[in-house]
């Protein structure tokens, strides 16, 4: 789904459920915030996956060098 369509859908859901009322923040600002949260989460998950792969490779290399 294209970003603009996604943001508009989130905006509409926020408005439909009156979720902006608690913070008195416009729905388009909340929608942008939530979209950015998802982007940040995706980046974190990619970094986590890379970290795990790097950890496994390092462990395997260590075992190979030590004969374990």
C-alpha atoms as a PDB file:
ATOM      1  CA  UNK A   1       0.000   0.000   0.000  1.00  0.00           C
ATOM      2  CA  UNK A   2       1.395   3.370  -0.885  1.00  0.00           C
ATOM      3  CA  UNK A   3       2.406   5.581   2.045  1.00  0.00           C
ATOM      4  CA  UNK A   4      -0.086   8.371   1.366  1.00  0.00           C
ATOM      5  CA  UNK A   5      -3.004   5.905   1.139  1.00  0.00           C
ATOM      6  CA  UNK A   6      -1.891   4.160   4.327  1.00  0.00           C
ATOM      7  CA  UNK A   7      -1.637   7.455   6.203  1.00  0.00           C
ATOM      8  CA  UNK A   8      -5.094   8.518   4.971  1.00  0.00           C
ATOM      9  CA  UNK A   9      -6.568   5.190   6.124  1.00  0.00           C
ATOM     10  CA  UNK A  10      -4.996   5.575   9.577  1.00  0.00           C
ATOM     11  CA  UNK A  11      -6.176   9.183   9.697  1.00  0.00           C
ATOM     12  CA  UNK A  12      -9.735   8.091   8.876  1.00  0.00           C
ATOM     13  CA  UNK A  13      -9.650   5.348  11.534  1.00  0.00           C
ATOM     14  CA  UNK A  14      -8.390   7.803  14.160  1.00  0.00           C
ATOM     15  CA  UNK A  15     -11.147  10.229  13.233  1.00  0.00           C
ATOM     16  CA  UNK A  16     -13.847   7.544  13.051  1.00  0.00           C
ATOM     17  CA  UNK A  17     -12.961   6.284  16.544  1.00  0.00           C
ATOM     18  CA  UNK A  18     -12.347   9.811  17.922  1.00  0.00           C
ATOM     19  CA  UNK A  19      -8.879   8.751  19.089  1.00  0.00           C
ATOM     20  CA  UNK A  20      -7.579  12.301  18.665  1.00  0.00           C
ATOM     21  CA  UNK A  21      -9.771  13.553  21.506  1.00  0.00           C
ATOM     22  CA  UNK A  22      -7.501  12.387  24.338  1.00  0.00           C
ATOM     23  CA  UNK A  23      -4.542  14.457  23.229  1.00  0.00           C
ATOM     24  CA  UNK A  24      -6.458  17.115  21.292  1.00  0.00           C
ATOM     25  CA  UNK A  25      -4.047  16.432  18.417  1.00  0.00           C
ATOM     26  CA  UNK A  26      -5.216  16.583  14.800  1.00  0.00           C
ATOM     27  CA  UNK A  27      -5.728  13.138  13.273  1.00  0.00           C
ATOM     28  CA  UNK A  28      -3.263  13.801  10.442  1.00  0.00           C
ATOM     29  CA  UNK A  29      -0.473  14.469  12.986  1.00  0.00           C
ATOM     30  CA  UNK A  30      -1.294  11.265  14.878  1.00  0.00           C
ATOM     31  CA  UNK A  31      -1.414   9.303  11.609  1.00  0.00           C
ATOM     32  CA  UNK A  32       2.016  10.599  10.610  1.00  0.00           C
ATOM     33  CA  UNK A  33       3.365   9.740  14.065  1.00  0.00           C
ATOM     34  CA  UNK A  34       2.048   6.172  13.843  1.00  0.00           C
ATOM     35  CA  UNK A  35       3.424   5.746  10.337  1.00  0.00           C
ATOM     36  CA  UNK A  36       6.841   6.905  11.570  1.00  0.00           C
ATOM     37  CA  UNK A  37       6.623   4.472  14.498  1.00  0.00           C
ATOM     38  CA  UNK A  38       6.111   1.607  12.060  1.00  0.00           C
ATOM     39  CA  UNK A  39       9.060   2.761   9.957  1.00  0.00           C
ATOM     40  CA  UNK A  40      11.277   2.970  13.043  1.00  0.00           C
ATOM     41  CA  UNK A  41      10.130  -0.494  14.129  1.00  0.00           C
ATOM     42  CA  UNK A  42      10.965  -1.917  10.690  1.00  0.00           C
ATOM     43  CA  UNK A  43      14.464  -0.419  10.873  1.00  0.00           C
ATOM     44  CA  UNK A  44      14.950  -1.863  14.369  1.00  0.00           C
ATOM     45  CA  UNK A  45      13.828  -5.327  13.275  1.00  0.00           C
ATOM     46  CA  UNK A  46      16.222  -5.282  10.326  1.00  0.00           C
ATOM     47  CA  UNK A  47      19.074  -4.279  12.641  1.00  0.00           C
ATOM     48  CA  UNK A  48      18.069  -6.996  15.120  1.00  0.00           C
ATOM     49  CA  UNK A  49      18.029  -9.613  12.368  1.00  0.00           C
ATOM     50  CA  UNK A  50      21.464  -8.520  11.182  1.00  0.00           C
ATOM     51  CA  UNK A  51      22.758  -8.633  14.763  1.00  0.00           C
ATOM     52  CA  UNK A  52      21.484 -12.204  15.208  1.00  0.00           C
ATOM     53  CA  UNK A  53      23.025 -13.325  11.923  1.00  0.00           C
ATOM     54  CA  UNK A  54      26.323 -11.663  12.824  1.00  0.00           C
ATOM     55  CA  UNK A  55      26.227 -13.312  16.276  1.00  0.00           C
ATOM     56  CA  UNK A  56      25.620 -16.768  14.825  1.00  0.00           C
ATOM     57  CA  UNK A  57      28.375 -16.328  12.233  1.00  0.00           C
ATOM     58  CA  UNK A  58      30.811 -15.164  14.927  1.00  0.00           C
ATOM     59  CA  UNK A  59      29.927 -18.136  17.117  1.00  0.00           C
ATOM     60  CA  UNK A  60      30.386 -20.567  14.237  1.00  0.00           C
ATOM     61  CA  UNK A  61      33.718 -19.004  13.290  1.00  0.00           C
ATOM     62  CA  UNK A  62      34.905 -19.252  16.902  1.00  0.00           C
ATOM     63  CA  UNK A  63      33.863 -22.918  17.115  1.00  0.00           C
ATOM     64  CA  UNK A  64      35.621 -23.666  13.851  1.00  0.00           C
ATOM     65  CA  UNK A  65      38.862 -21.983  15.015  1.00  0.00           C
ATOM     66  CA  UNK A  66      38.846 -23.765  18.378  1.00  0.00           C
ATOM     67  CA  UNK A  67      37.737 -27.117  16.987  1.00  0.00           C
ATOM     68  CA  UNK A  68      34.505 -27.070  18.987  1.00  0.00           C
END
